[in-house]
Structure formats: C-alpha cells, structure tokens
Amino acid sequence: MVPDEAARPGAVQLSLLQGFPVRAPQAGPPLAGRLPVARVLVETPLPHLDRPFDYSVPAELDEAAQAGVRVKVRFNGQELSGFIIERTAESDAGHTLVPLQKVISPVAVLTPPVRDLVSAVAARYAGTVSDVLRVAVPPRVARLEKEFLAAAAA
C-alpha cells in the first residue's frame, strides 16, 4: 500500500496469513461462577517476572482457590508453585487465560499482613517478592496442615 492510500476510505491491508484455516478456540474446563480470575504470584527467581499473573479458576477449584493459598500453575511450559494474591471478576491480560492446575493446600498461608511485610522487605533490600516469600512462608508440611484443619473444625 502506498502511504497516501492508507488514508483512503475502504483501503484494506491484506493479511499475511490469508488462506490458512482459522482454528476455533478450544473449550477449557468450566469456570467458577463468581470471581473466575485468580491473580497468582508465581515462585520464580527471575526479577522481571516478579509480578502477579492472571489465571482462570476452574469450577471444581472455586471453593478451595482463595486468596493466600498455594497453587500449581502452568507457566512457560513448566508447572510452578505460586500463591493466589486475589480473585477478581475480570482480567486485563488481553488473551485467553490458562486455568489453575491445582490447589496445593487449602490453608491460606499468605495473609495480607505477611504479603505487605514481604513486599516492604523486597522493596527495602532490592529483592524480589518471590525470593522473600521463600524465606517468609515455610514449605508445606501436610501433617501440620491436617492438625491445623482438624483444630479449626473442632
């Protein structure tokens, strides 16, 4: 197209992929009815990935996937651990969201005060939130979680 033609009404730019079959979007698992998007802080040592990413919440994980719980997610072809920061109704990602793989533990270990403290420490000492989280939130111990959940239910 000549530059003058771009301003002409009705001018069409041809697609380079014209003639290829268009794939229909694949249907994923049914999503949670209320707040179907989870913002997840993925545990990665890379500083440029030190921010939350949006994931869709499958309906079967709706009850367990609450803010502060540990989850497994697909990230760049790998299954990584992370923490749900919050649940929202919409995403501004601009693409189809990948669903959460599973909730590792129903116990919310990343509470808002811990999250605020971790963010402040990371900012103060020029670290990543993910690195500080590895130290601030202990690794999962299933036996202790069972005892905690049993005590909370009693």
N, C-alpha and C. Protein backbone atom coordinates (compact mmCIF):
# COMPACT_ATOMS: atom_id res chain seq x y z
N MET A 1 0.83 -1.17 0.00
CA MET A 1 0.00 0.00 0.00
C MET A 1 0.88 1.24 0.00
N VAL A 2 0.55 2.18 -0.80
CA VAL A 2 1.25 3.45 -0.85
C VAL A 2 0.76 4.28 0.33
N PRO A 3 1.63 5.07 0.99
CA PRO A 3 1.20 5.83 2.17
C PRO A 3 -0.05 6.66 1.96
N ASP A 4 -0.24 7.22 0.76
CA ASP A 4 -1.43 8.03 0.52
C ASP A 4 -2.69 7.18 0.50
N GLU A 5 -2.55 5.92 0.11
CA GLU A 5 -3.71 5.04 0.03
C GLU A 5 -4.21 4.63 1.40
N ALA A 6 -3.36 4.68 2.44
CA ALA A 6 -3.76 4.26 3.78
C ALA A 6 -4.87 5.14 4.32
N ALA A 7 -4.88 6.40 3.95
CA ALA A 7 -5.89 7.32 4.44
C ALA A 7 -7.17 7.24 3.62
N ARG A 8 -7.13 6.55 2.49
CA ARG A 8 -8.30 6.46 1.62
C ARG A 8 -9.34 5.54 2.25
N PRO A 9 -10.60 5.97 2.30
CA PRO A 9 -11.65 5.11 2.86
C PRO A 9 -11.78 3.83 2.03
N GLY A 10 -11.97 2.74 2.71
CA GLY A 10 -12.15 1.46 2.03
C GLY A 10 -10.85 0.74 1.73
N ALA A 11 -9.70 1.34 2.07
CA ALA A 11 -8.43 0.67 1.83
C ALA A 11 -8.30 -0.50 2.80
N VAL A 12 -7.86 -1.64 2.30
CA VAL A 12 -7.76 -2.85 3.11
C VAL A 12 -6.33 -3.33 3.12
N GLN A 13 -5.83 -3.63 4.30
CA GLN A 13 -4.50 -4.21 4.40
C GLN A 13 -4.65 -5.73 4.39
N LEU A 14 -3.93 -6.37 3.49
CA LEU A 14 -4.04 -7.82 3.37
C LEU A 14 -3.31 -8.51 4.51
N SER A 15 -3.86 -9.62 4.92
CA SER A 15 -3.25 -10.41 5.98
C SER A 15 -2.19 -11.33 5.38
N LEU A 16 -1.08 -11.47 6.07
CA LEU A 16 -0.05 -12.38 5.60
C LEU A 16 -0.45 -13.84 5.78
N LEU A 17 -1.42 -14.09 6.64
CA LEU A 17 -1.85 -15.45 6.92
C LEU A 17 -3.15 -15.80 6.20
N GLN A 18 -3.48 -15.05 5.19
CA GLN A 18 -4.71 -15.28 4.46
C GLN A 18 -4.67 -16.65 3.79
N GLY A 19 -5.77 -17.37 3.88
CA GLY A 19 -5.85 -18.68 3.26
C GLY A 19 -5.60 -19.83 4.21
N PHE A 20 -5.06 -19.55 5.39
CA PHE A 20 -4.85 -20.61 6.37
C PHE A 20 -6.15 -20.83 7.14
N PRO A 21 -6.42 -22.08 7.52
CA PRO A 21 -7.65 -22.33 8.28
C PRO A 21 -7.58 -21.66 9.65
N VAL A 22 -8.70 -21.14 10.08
CA VAL A 22 -8.79 -20.50 11.38
C VAL A 22 -9.22 -21.56 12.39
N ARG A 23 -8.43 -21.71 13.44
CA ARG A 23 -8.76 -22.68 14.48
C ARG A 23 -9.76 -22.08 15.45
N ALA A 24 -10.76 -22.85 15.78
CA ALA A 24 -11.72 -22.40 16.78
C ALA A 24 -11.06 -22.49 18.15
N PRO A 25 -11.37 -21.55 19.04
CA PRO A 25 -10.78 -21.63 20.38
C PRO A 25 -11.21 -22.92 21.08
N GLN A 26 -10.27 -23.54 21.77
CA GLN A 26 -10.58 -24.78 22.47
C GLN A 26 -11.33 -24.47 23.75
N ALA A 27 -12.33 -25.28 24.01
CA ALA A 27 -13.10 -25.10 25.23
C ALA A 27 -12.34 -25.71 26.39
N GLY A 28 -12.13 -24.93 27.43
CA GLY A 28 -11.43 -25.42 28.61
C GLY A 28 -12.43 -25.92 29.63
N PRO A 29 -11.97 -26.14 30.84
CA PRO A 29 -12.89 -26.59 31.89
C PRO A 29 -13.87 -25.47 32.23
N PRO A 30 -15.05 -25.83 32.74
CA PRO A 30 -16.00 -24.79 33.14
C PRO A 30 -15.40 -23.92 34.24
N LEU A 31 -15.63 -22.62 34.13
CA LEU A 31 -15.02 -21.68 35.07
C LEU A 31 -15.91 -21.44 36.28
N ALA A 32 -15.29 -20.92 37.31
CA ALA A 32 -16.00 -20.57 38.53
C ALA A 32 -17.05 -19.51 38.20
N GLY A 33 -18.21 -19.62 38.81
CA GLY A 33 -19.28 -18.68 38.53
C GLY A 33 -19.03 -17.30 39.12
N ARG A 34 -18.40 -17.26 40.27
CA ARG A 34 -18.14 -15.99 40.96
C ARG A 34 -16.63 -15.78 41.00
N LEU A 35 -16.17 -14.64 40.56
CA LEU A 35 -14.75 -14.29 40.54
C LEU A 35 -13.91 -15.37 39.84
N PRO A 36 -14.05 -15.48 38.51
CA PRO A 36 -13.38 -16.56 37.77
C PRO A 36 -11.90 -16.33 37.46
N VAL A 37 -11.33 -15.22 37.93
CA VAL A 37 -9.92 -14.92 37.64
C VAL A 37 -9.14 -14.86 38.95
N ALA A 38 -7.99 -15.54 38.97
CA ALA A 38 -7.10 -15.51 40.14
C ALA A 38 -5.80 -14.83 39.74
N ARG A 39 -5.36 -13.88 40.54
CA ARG A 39 -4.05 -13.26 40.34
C ARG A 39 -3.06 -14.06 41.18
N VAL A 40 -2.07 -14.63 40.49
CA VAL A 40 -1.13 -15.55 41.13
C VAL A 40 0.28 -14.98 41.06
N LEU A 41 0.96 -14.99 42.20
CA LEU A 41 2.37 -14.63 42.24
C LEU A 41 3.14 -15.94 42.12
N VAL A 42 3.77 -16.13 40.97
CA VAL A 42 4.48 -17.37 40.67
C VAL A 42 5.85 -17.34 41.33
N GLU A 43 6.24 -18.46 41.93
CA GLU A 43 7.56 -18.56 42.56
C GLU A 43 8.61 -18.79 41.49
N THR A 44 9.30 -17.72 41.15
CA THR A 44 10.38 -17.79 40.17
C THR A 44 11.48 -16.82 40.60
N PRO A 45 12.74 -17.19 40.42
CA PRO A 45 13.82 -16.30 40.84
C PRO A 45 14.09 -15.16 39.86
N LEU A 46 13.42 -15.14 38.73
CA LEU A 46 13.69 -14.12 37.72
C LEU A 46 13.04 -12.79 38.11
N PRO A 47 13.83 -11.74 38.25
CA PRO A 47 13.27 -10.47 38.72
C PRO A 47 12.27 -9.82 37.77
N HIS A 48 12.39 -10.06 36.48
CA HIS A 48 11.45 -9.43 35.55
C HIS A 48 10.08 -10.12 35.56
N LEU A 49 9.96 -11.25 36.25
CA LEU A 49 8.67 -11.94 36.38
C LEU A 49 8.10 -11.79 37.78
N ASP A 50 8.58 -10.82 38.53
CA ASP A 50 8.17 -10.61 39.91
C ASP A 50 6.91 -9.75 39.96
N ARG A 51 5.82 -10.31 39.47
CA ARG A 51 4.53 -9.63 39.47
C ARG A 51 3.44 -10.69 39.36
N PRO A 52 2.22 -10.35 39.71
CA PRO A 52 1.14 -11.34 39.61
C PRO A 52 0.73 -11.58 38.15
N PHE A 53 0.32 -12.80 37.88
CA PHE A 53 -0.20 -13.19 36.57
C PHE A 53 -1.62 -13.70 36.76
N ASP A 54 -2.46 -13.47 35.75
CA ASP A 54 -3.86 -13.87 35.82
C ASP A 54 -4.05 -15.29 35.30
N TYR A 55 -4.83 -16.07 36.04
CA TYR A 55 -5.20 -17.44 35.66
C TYR A 55 -6.69 -17.59 35.85
N SER A 56 -7.30 -18.45 35.03
CA SER A 56 -8.72 -18.73 35.22
C SER A 56 -8.88 -19.78 36.32
N VAL A 57 -10.01 -19.71 37.01
CA VAL A 57 -10.28 -20.63 38.11
C VAL A 57 -11.33 -21.63 37.65
N PRO A 58 -10.96 -22.91 37.51
CA PRO A 58 -11.95 -23.92 37.14
C PRO A 58 -13.01 -24.06 38.23
N ALA A 59 -14.21 -24.46 37.84
CA ALA A 59 -15.32 -24.57 38.78
C ALA A 59 -15.01 -25.53 39.93
N GLU A 60 -14.28 -26.62 39.65
CA GLU A 60 -14.00 -27.59 40.72
C GLU A 60 -13.02 -27.05 41.76
N LEU A 61 -12.29 -25.98 41.43
CA LEU A 61 -11.35 -25.38 42.39
C LEU A 61 -11.90 -24.10 43.01
N ASP A 62 -13.13 -23.75 42.70
CA ASP A 62 -13.70 -22.47 43.13
C ASP A 62 -13.65 -22.30 44.64
N GLU A 63 -14.07 -23.30 45.37
CA GLU A 63 -14.13 -23.18 46.83
C GLU A 63 -12.74 -23.16 47.47
N ALA A 64 -11.83 -23.98 46.97
CA ALA A 64 -10.50 -24.09 47.58
C ALA A 64 -9.56 -22.97 47.16
N ALA A 65 -9.76 -22.39 45.98
CA ALA A 65 -8.84 -21.38 45.45
C ALA A 65 -9.18 -20.00 46.02
N GLN A 66 -8.73 -19.76 47.22
CA GLN A 66 -8.97 -18.48 47.89
C GLN A 66 -7.66 -17.71 48.01
N ALA A 67 -7.76 -16.44 48.30
CA ALA A 67 -6.57 -15.60 48.43
C ALA A 67 -5.67 -16.14 49.54
N GLY A 68 -4.38 -16.26 49.22
CA GLY A 68 -3.40 -16.70 50.20
C GLY A 68 -3.02 -18.16 50.13
N VAL A 69 -3.72 -18.97 49.34
CA VAL A 69 -3.41 -20.40 49.28
C VAL A 69 -2.32 -20.68 48.24
N ARG A 70 -1.64 -21.80 48.43
CA ARG A 70 -0.63 -22.25 47.47
C ARG A 70 -1.31 -22.97 46.32
N VAL A 71 -0.82 -22.72 45.10
CA VAL A 71 -1.38 -23.36 43.92
C VAL A 71 -0.26 -23.82 42.99
N LYS A 72 -0.60 -24.71 42.07
CA LYS A 72 0.29 -25.10 40.98
C LYS A 72 -0.30 -24.53 39.71
N VAL A 73 0.56 -23.93 38.88
CA VAL A 73 0.13 -23.33 37.62
C VAL A 73 1.09 -23.71 36.51
N ARG A 74 0.59 -23.66 35.27
CA ARG A 74 1.45 -23.83 34.10
C ARG A 74 2.02 -22.46 33.77
N PHE A 75 3.34 -22.39 33.69
CA PHE A 75 3.99 -21.13 33.37
C PHE A 75 5.14 -21.43 32.42
N ASN A 76 5.02 -20.96 31.20
CA ASN A 76 6.06 -21.17 30.20
C ASN A 76 6.39 -22.65 30.01
N GLY A 77 5.36 -23.48 29.99
CA GLY A 77 5.55 -24.91 29.76
C GLY A 77 5.99 -25.69 30.98
N GLN A 78 6.12 -25.05 32.12
CA GLN A 78 6.52 -25.73 33.35
C GLN A 78 5.40 -25.64 34.37
N GLU A 79 5.37 -26.58 35.30
CA GLU A 79 4.43 -26.50 36.40
C GLU A 79 5.16 -25.89 37.59
N LEU A 80 4.73 -24.68 37.99
CA LEU A 80 5.38 -23.96 39.08
C LEU A 80 4.39 -23.73 40.22
N SER A 81 4.94 -23.52 41.40
CA SER A 81 4.12 -23.17 42.56
C SER A 81 3.91 -21.66 42.58
N GLY A 82 2.87 -21.27 43.26
CA GLY A 82 2.59 -19.85 43.41
C GLY A 82 1.57 -19.63 44.51
N PHE A 83 1.23 -18.38 44.73
CA PHE A 83 0.25 -18.00 45.74
C PHE A 83 -0.83 -17.16 45.08
N ILE A 84 -2.08 -17.42 45.42
CA ILE A 84 -3.15 -16.57 44.92
C ILE A 84 -3.14 -15.28 45.74
N ILE A 85 -2.99 -14.17 45.04
CA ILE A 85 -2.99 -12.86 45.69
C ILE A 85 -4.42 -12.38 45.90
N GLU A 86 -5.24 -12.53 44.85
CA GLU A 86 -6.63 -12.10 44.93
C GLU A 86 -7.44 -12.79 43.85
N ARG A 87 -8.76 -12.75 44.01
CA ARG A 87 -9.69 -13.23 42.99
C ARG A 87 -10.45 -12.03 42.45
N THR A 88 -10.62 -11.97 41.14
CA THR A 88 -11.32 -10.86 40.52
C THR A 88 -12.34 -11.37 39.51
N ALA A 89 -13.20 -10.47 39.07
CA ALA A 89 -14.24 -10.83 38.10
C ALA A 89 -13.71 -10.79 36.67
N GLU A 90 -12.73 -9.93 36.41
CA GLU A 90 -12.23 -9.76 35.04
C GLU A 90 -10.71 -9.69 35.04
N SER A 91 -10.16 -9.95 33.85
CA SER A 91 -8.73 -9.85 33.65
C SER A 91 -8.45 -8.80 32.59
N ASP A 92 -7.35 -8.12 32.74
CA ASP A 92 -6.94 -7.16 31.71
C ASP A 92 -5.77 -7.71 30.89
N ALA A 93 -5.59 -9.03 30.91
CA ALA A 93 -4.46 -9.67 30.23
C ALA A 93 -4.57 -9.56 28.71
N GLY A 94 -5.77 -9.55 28.17
CA GLY A 94 -5.92 -9.41 26.73
C GLY A 94 -5.78 -10.71 25.95
N HIS A 95 -5.77 -11.85 26.63
CA HIS A 95 -5.69 -13.14 25.96
C HIS A 95 -6.44 -14.17 26.79
N THR A 96 -6.62 -15.35 26.23
CA THR A 96 -7.29 -16.42 26.96
C THR A 96 -6.42 -16.86 28.13
N LEU A 97 -7.02 -16.99 29.28
CA LEU A 97 -6.26 -17.34 30.48
C LEU A 97 -6.08 -18.85 30.60
N VAL A 98 -4.95 -19.23 31.15
CA VAL A 98 -4.64 -20.62 31.44
C VAL A 98 -5.28 -20.95 32.79
N PRO A 99 -5.91 -22.12 32.92
CA PRO A 99 -6.54 -22.45 34.21
C PRO A 99 -5.51 -22.86 35.27
N LEU A 100 -5.87 -22.66 36.53
CA LEU A 100 -5.06 -23.17 37.64
C LEU A 100 -4.98 -24.69 37.52
N GLN A 101 -3.83 -25.27 37.83
CA GLN A 101 -3.68 -26.72 37.78
C GLN A 101 -4.30 -27.39 39.01
N LYS A 102 -3.89 -26.92 40.18
CA LYS A 102 -4.46 -27.48 41.42
C LYS A 102 -4.14 -26.57 42.59
N VAL A 103 -4.92 -26.74 43.63
CA VAL A 103 -4.67 -26.06 44.89
C VAL A 103 -3.85 -27.03 45.74
N ILE A 104 -2.65 -26.62 46.11
CA ILE A 104 -1.77 -27.50 46.87
C ILE A 104 -2.28 -27.67 48.29
N SER A 105 -2.71 -26.57 48.89
CA SER A 105 -3.17 -26.60 50.27
C SER A 105 -4.32 -25.62 50.44
N PRO A 106 -5.37 -26.02 51.15
CA PRO A 106 -6.49 -25.09 51.37
C PRO A 106 -6.21 -24.06 52.46
N VAL A 107 -5.08 -24.16 53.13
CA VAL A 107 -4.74 -23.23 54.20
C VAL A 107 -4.15 -21.96 53.60
N ALA A 108 -4.74 -20.82 53.94
CA ALA A 108 -4.25 -19.53 53.44
C ALA A 108 -3.02 -19.12 54.24
N VAL A 109 -1.84 -19.39 53.69
CA VAL A 109 -0.59 -19.10 54.40
C VAL A 109 -0.05 -17.70 54.08
N LEU A 110 -0.50 -17.12 53.00
CA LEU A 110 -0.05 -15.77 52.63
C LEU A 110 -1.16 -14.79 52.98
N THR A 111 -1.18 -14.38 54.23
CA THR A 111 -2.20 -13.45 54.71
C THR A 111 -1.83 -12.03 54.28
N PRO A 112 -2.79 -11.11 54.28
CA PRO A 112 -2.48 -9.72 53.88
C PRO A 112 -1.34 -9.08 54.68
N PRO A 113 -1.27 -9.26 56.02
CA PRO A 113 -0.12 -8.66 56.73
C PRO A 113 1.22 -9.25 56.29
N VAL A 114 1.26 -10.57 56.05
CA VAL A 114 2.51 -11.20 55.60
C VAL A 114 2.86 -10.69 54.20
N ARG A 115 1.86 -10.58 53.34
CA ARG A 115 2.09 -10.09 51.98
C ARG A 115 2.64 -8.67 52.00
N ASP A 116 2.07 -7.81 52.85
CA ASP A 116 2.56 -6.42 52.95
C ASP A 116 3.99 -6.38 53.47
N LEU A 117 4.28 -7.20 54.48
CA LEU A 117 5.63 -7.24 55.04
C LEU A 117 6.64 -7.75 54.00
N VAL A 118 6.27 -8.79 53.28
CA VAL A 118 7.15 -9.34 52.24
C VAL A 118 7.43 -8.30 51.16
N SER A 119 6.40 -7.57 50.75
CA SER A 119 6.58 -6.53 49.73
C SER A 119 7.49 -5.42 50.24
N ALA A 120 7.32 -5.03 51.50
CA ALA A 120 8.15 -3.97 52.08
C ALA A 120 9.61 -4.41 52.18
N VAL A 121 9.85 -5.65 52.61
CA VAL A 121 11.22 -6.16 52.72
C VAL A 121 11.86 -6.25 51.33
N ALA A 122 11.11 -6.73 50.35
CA ALA A 122 11.65 -6.84 48.99
C ALA A 122 12.00 -5.46 48.43
N ALA A 123 11.15 -4.48 48.68
CA ALA A 123 11.42 -3.12 48.19
C ALA A 123 12.61 -2.50 48.92
N ARG A 124 12.67 -2.70 50.22
CA ARG A 124 13.74 -2.10 51.03
C ARG A 124 15.12 -2.64 50.67
N TYR A 125 15.20 -3.95 50.45
CA TYR A 125 16.50 -4.58 50.22
C TYR A 125 16.72 -4.99 48.77
N ALA A 126 15.96 -4.41 47.86
CA ALA A 126 16.11 -4.62 46.42
C ALA A 126 16.08 -6.09 46.05
N GLY A 127 15.18 -6.83 46.66
CA GLY A 127 15.00 -8.24 46.33
C GLY A 127 13.71 -8.43 45.58
N THR A 128 13.44 -9.65 45.22
CA THR A 128 12.16 -9.95 44.58
C THR A 128 11.20 -10.48 45.64
N VAL A 129 9.94 -10.23 45.42
CA VAL A 129 8.92 -10.71 46.35
C VAL A 129 8.97 -12.24 46.43
N SER A 130 9.21 -12.88 45.31
CA SER A 130 9.28 -14.34 45.29
C SER A 130 10.41 -14.87 46.17
N ASP A 131 11.57 -14.22 46.13
CA ASP A 131 12.70 -14.65 46.97
C ASP A 131 12.39 -14.47 48.45
N VAL A 132 11.79 -13.35 48.81
CA VAL A 132 11.46 -13.10 50.21
C VAL A 132 10.37 -14.06 50.67
N LEU A 133 9.42 -14.38 49.80
CA LEU A 133 8.36 -15.33 50.15
C LEU A 133 8.91 -16.71 50.48
N ARG A 134 9.93 -17.13 49.75
CA ARG A 134 10.52 -18.44 50.01
C ARG A 134 11.05 -18.54 51.44
N VAL A 135 11.51 -17.41 51.98
CA VAL A 135 12.04 -17.40 53.34
C VAL A 135 10.92 -17.14 54.36
N ALA A 136 9.98 -16.27 54.01
CA ALA A 136 8.94 -15.86 54.96
C ALA A 136 7.86 -16.91 55.18
N VAL A 137 7.50 -17.63 54.13
CA VAL A 137 6.45 -18.64 54.24
C VAL A 137 7.12 -20.01 54.19
N PRO A 138 7.02 -20.77 55.27
CA PRO A 138 7.71 -22.06 55.31
C PRO A 138 7.14 -23.03 54.28
N PRO A 139 7.93 -24.04 53.92
CA PRO A 139 7.41 -25.04 52.99
C PRO A 139 6.24 -25.81 53.60
N ARG A 140 5.46 -26.39 52.74
CA ARG A 140 4.25 -27.10 53.18
C ARG A 140 4.63 -28.37 53.95
N VAL A 141 3.96 -28.57 55.08
CA VAL A 141 4.08 -29.80 55.85
C VAL A 141 2.67 -30.35 56.02
N ALA A 142 2.36 -31.42 55.29
CA ALA A 142 0.99 -31.94 55.23
C ALA A 142 0.47 -32.35 56.60
N ARG A 143 1.31 -32.95 57.43
CA ARG A 143 0.86 -33.41 58.75
C ARG A 143 0.40 -32.23 59.60
N LEU A 144 1.17 -31.14 59.58
CA LEU A 144 0.79 -29.96 60.36
C LEU A 144 -0.48 -29.32 59.81
N GLU A 145 -0.65 -29.34 58.50
CA GLU A 145 -1.87 -28.79 57.91
C GLU A 145 -3.09 -29.58 58.36
N LYS A 146 -2.98 -30.90 58.39
CA LYS A 146 -4.10 -31.73 58.84
C LYS A 146 -4.46 -31.42 60.28
N GLU A 147 -3.44 -31.27 61.13
CA GLU A 147 -3.69 -30.93 62.53
C GLU A 147 -4.35 -29.55 62.65
N PHE A 148 -3.87 -28.59 61.86
CA PHE A 148 -4.43 -27.25 61.89
C PHE A 148 -5.88 -27.25 61.43
N LEU A 149 -6.17 -27.96 60.35
CA LEU A 149 -7.54 -28.01 59.84
C LEU A 149 -8.46 -28.75 60.80
N ALA A 150 -7.95 -29.80 61.46
CA ALA A 150 -8.76 -30.53 62.44
C ALA A 150 -9.07 -29.64 63.64
N ALA A 151 -8.08 -28.88 64.09
CA ALA A 151 -8.30 -27.98 65.23
C ALA A 151 -9.26 -26.85 64.86
N ALA A 152 -9.17 -26.36 63.64
CA ALA A 152 -10.06 -25.29 63.20
C ALA A 152 -11.50 -25.78 63.06
N ALA A 153 -11.67 -27.04 62.68
CA ALA A 153 -13.01 -27.60 62.51
C ALA A 153 -13.66 -27.91 63.86
N ALA A 154 -12.85 -28.15 64.88
CA ALA A 154 -13.39 -28.52 66.20
C ALA A 154 -13.90 -27.33 66.96
